[in-house]
Amino acid sequence: MGGWLLMRFLGKLDPAKTGELYKRVADEINTTFAIESTEELSFEEAMTPAIIEKYNAKMTVEKYILNPNKG
């Protein structure tokens, strides 16, 4: 389900069901919804030429997460 449809879908549910879905995501954030990544990057790291070359290669097995809170 695309992100633009999600809010419309959640808006049609009663608050109890919406709460159940939020709880499920929170409970399974490190299992079902976990993301395995090659590297977690800060904004500064993501803008260095060597790193840009790595993530711009768009390889299937490599995923980079941009973490705005990483120093």
Protein backbone atom coordinates (compact mmCIF):
# COMPACT_ATOMS: atom_id res chain seq x y z
CA MET A 1 0.00 0.00 0.00
CA GLY A 2 1.46 3.32 -1.02
CA GLY A 3 2.09 5.94 1.64
CA TRP A 4 -0.47 8.29 0.11
CA LEU A 5 -3.18 5.64 0.59
CA LEU A 6 -2.20 4.78 4.14
CA MET A 7 -3.65 7.86 5.83
CA ARG A 8 -6.93 7.47 3.94
CA PHE A 9 -7.09 3.82 5.03
CA LEU A 10 -6.30 4.63 8.67
CA GLY A 11 -8.88 7.43 8.66
CA LYS A 12 -11.63 4.93 7.86
CA LEU A 13 -10.81 2.68 10.83
CA ASP A 14 -12.14 3.09 14.32
CA PRO A 15 -9.55 4.40 16.81
CA ALA A 16 -9.22 1.03 18.59
CA LYS A 17 -8.23 -0.75 15.36
CA THR A 18 -5.82 2.04 14.45
CA GLY A 19 -4.24 1.66 17.90
CA GLU A 20 -3.87 -2.11 17.34
CA LEU A 21 -2.06 -1.51 14.05
CA TYR A 22 0.29 1.07 15.59
CA LYS A 23 1.01 -1.35 18.45
CA ARG A 24 1.75 -4.16 15.99
CA VAL A 25 4.27 -2.01 14.12
CA ALA A 26 5.89 -0.94 17.41
CA ASP A 27 6.06 -4.54 18.67
CA GLU A 28 7.53 -5.87 15.42
CA ILE A 29 9.79 -2.98 14.48
CA ASN A 30 12.94 -5.10 14.96
CA THR A 31 11.57 -8.26 13.31
CA THR A 32 8.85 -8.05 10.67
CA PHE A 33 9.55 -4.41 9.79
CA ALA A 34 13.32 -4.55 10.26
CA ILE A 35 15.59 -3.17 7.57
CA GLU A 36 18.99 -4.69 6.95
CA SER A 37 21.31 -2.08 5.57
CA THR A 38 24.88 -1.90 4.39
CA GLU A 39 25.52 1.35 6.22
CA GLU A 40 23.76 4.08 8.17
CA LEU A 41 24.83 7.52 7.00
CA SER A 42 24.63 11.02 8.43
CA PHE A 43 23.82 13.91 6.07
CA GLU A 44 27.50 14.90 6.08
CA GLU A 45 28.66 11.37 5.23
CA ALA A 46 26.06 11.05 2.47
CA MET A 47 27.49 14.11 0.72
CA THR A 48 31.10 12.92 0.50
CA PRO A 49 32.18 11.91 -3.04
CA ALA A 50 33.33 8.41 -2.05
CA ILE A 51 30.03 7.59 -0.33
CA ILE A 52 27.96 9.12 -3.15
CA GLU A 53 29.75 6.81 -5.57
CA LYS A 54 28.87 3.80 -3.37
CA TYR A 55 25.14 4.44 -2.98
CA ASN A 56 24.70 5.77 -6.51
CA ALA A 57 25.75 2.36 -7.85
CA LYS A 58 22.20 1.14 -6.98
CA MET A 59 23.21 -2.43 -6.26
CA THR A 60 20.44 -4.77 -5.17
CA VAL A 61 22.32 -6.16 -2.18
CA GLU A 62 23.39 -2.78 -0.79
CA LYS A 63 21.03 -0.48 1.08
CA TYR A 64 21.95 2.78 2.77
CA ILE A 65 19.88 4.44 5.47
CA LEU A 66 20.05 8.20 5.87
CA ASN A 67 19.81 9.04 9.57
CA PRO A 68 19.35 12.78 10.19
CA ASN A 69 20.12 12.27 13.89
CA LYS A 70 23.53 10.70 13.30
CA GLY A 71 26.27 13.19 14.08
